[in-house]
Amino acid sequence: MTMSTNNPTYIGTAGGTFLSVLPNIQSEDVFKTVVLATIGAVVSFTISLVFKSFVKKPKK
């Protein structure tokens, strides 16, 4: 038994949700989200570099 998906239904639902939320988004919220996403990406990249230096394997 396989489950089939109905892509137009999912696309319509996602589009309707997006369009119903769109009028409620303030420009300050968008700016805050961009700033927080940038900070999160920089912190994530920095931490991964730090962990990578700790786990460095010796060259043979």
C-alpha atoms as a PDB file:
ATOM      1  CA  MET A   1       0.000   0.000   0.000  1.00  0.00           C
ATOM      2  CA  THR A   2       1.544   3.308  -1.067  1.00  0.00           C
ATOM      3  CA  MET A   3       0.546   6.789  -0.105  1.00  0.00           C
ATOM      4  CA  SER A   4       0.044   9.165  -2.995  1.00  0.00           C
ATOM      5  CA  THR A   5       0.495  12.887  -2.620  1.00  0.00           C
ATOM      6  CA  ASN A   6      -1.601  15.566  -4.188  1.00  0.00           C
ATOM      7  CA  ASN A   7       0.850  18.389  -4.937  1.00  0.00           C
ATOM      8  CA  PRO A   8      -1.728  20.988  -6.066  1.00  0.00           C
ATOM      9  CA  THR A   9      -3.487  20.628  -2.705  1.00  0.00           C
ATOM     10  CA  TYR A  10      -0.239  21.155  -0.775  1.00  0.00           C
ATOM     11  CA  ILE A  11       0.766  24.084  -2.971  1.00  0.00           C
ATOM     12  CA  GLY A  12      -2.679  25.678  -2.572  1.00  0.00           C
ATOM     13  CA  THR A  13      -2.610  25.208   1.189  1.00  0.00           C
ATOM     14  CA  ALA A  14       0.893  26.663   1.507  1.00  0.00           C
ATOM     15  CA  GLY A  15       0.012  29.577  -0.776  1.00  0.00           C
ATOM     16  CA  GLY A  16      -3.177  30.333   1.133  1.00  0.00           C
ATOM     17  CA  THR A  17      -1.357  30.215   4.454  1.00  0.00           C
ATOM     18  CA  PHE A  18       1.357  32.542   3.155  1.00  0.00           C
ATOM     19  CA  LEU A  19      -1.142  35.035   1.756  1.00  0.00           C
ATOM     20  CA  SER A  20      -3.167  35.054   4.970  1.00  0.00           C
ATOM     21  CA  VAL A  21      -0.067  35.719   7.095  1.00  0.00           C
ATOM     22  CA  LEU A  22       1.461  38.308   4.740  1.00  0.00           C
ATOM     23  CA  PRO A  23      -0.685  41.311   5.824  1.00  0.00           C
ATOM     24  CA  ASN A  24       0.240  40.706   9.468  1.00  0.00           C
ATOM     25  CA  ILE A  25       4.015  40.877   8.942  1.00  0.00           C
ATOM     26  CA  GLN A  26       5.564  44.153  10.060  1.00  0.00           C
ATOM     27  CA  SER A  27       8.764  45.517   8.480  1.00  0.00           C
ATOM     28  CA  GLU A  28      10.427  45.534  11.914  1.00  0.00           C
ATOM     29  CA  ASP A  29       9.787  41.799  12.195  1.00  0.00           C
ATOM     30  CA  VAL A  30      11.435  41.149   8.835  1.00  0.00           C
ATOM     31  CA  PHE A  31      14.472  43.230   9.805  1.00  0.00           C
ATOM     32  CA  LYS A  32      14.745  41.491  13.177  1.00  0.00           C
ATOM     33  CA  THR A  33      14.521  38.084  11.488  1.00  0.00           C
ATOM     34  CA  VAL A  34      17.271  38.964   8.997  1.00  0.00           C
ATOM     35  CA  VAL A  35      19.559  40.219  11.768  1.00  0.00           C
ATOM     36  CA  LEU A  36      18.963  37.165  13.969  1.00  0.00           C
ATOM     37  CA  ALA A  37      19.461  34.779  11.034  1.00  0.00           C
ATOM     38  CA  THR A  38      22.761  36.481  10.173  1.00  0.00           C
ATOM     39  CA  ILE A  39      23.976  36.290  13.760  1.00  0.00           C
ATOM     40  CA  GLY A  40      22.938  32.631  13.972  1.00  0.00           C
ATOM     41  CA  ALA A  41      24.762  31.756  10.750  1.00  0.00           C
ATOM     42  CA  VAL A  42      27.966  33.495  11.880  1.00  0.00           C
ATOM     43  CA  VAL A  43      27.880  31.828  15.303  1.00  0.00           C
ATOM     44  CA  SER A  44      27.167  28.420  13.765  1.00  0.00           C
ATOM     45  CA  PHE A  45      30.029  28.782  11.277  1.00  0.00           C
ATOM     46  CA  THR A  46      32.442  29.932  14.007  1.00  0.00           C
ATOM     47  CA  ILE A  47      31.523  27.091  16.363  1.00  0.00           C
ATOM     48  CA  SER A  48      31.891  24.519  13.579  1.00  0.00           C
ATOM     49  CA  LEU A  49      35.389  25.868  12.805  1.00  0.00           C
ATOM     50  CA  VAL A  50      36.330  25.672  16.498  1.00  0.00           C
ATOM     51  CA  PHE A  51      35.058  22.090  16.797  1.00  0.00           C
ATOM     52  CA  LYS A  52      36.804  21.164  13.560  1.00  0.00           C
ATOM     53  CA  SER A  53      40.129  22.369  14.979  1.00  0.00           C
ATOM     54  CA  PHE A  54      39.611  20.224  18.104  1.00  0.00           C
ATOM     55  CA  VAL A  55      38.839  17.089  16.119  1.00  0.00           C
ATOM     56  CA  LYS A  56      41.691  17.497  13.631  1.00  0.00           C
ATOM     57  CA  LYS A  57      43.091  14.109  12.680  1.00  0.00           C
ATOM     58  CA  PRO A  58      46.878  13.755  12.472  1.00  0.00           C
ATOM     59  CA  LYS A  59      48.272  13.430   8.957  1.00  0.00           C
ATOM     60  CA  LYS A  60      49.903  10.123   8.078  1.00  0.00           C
END
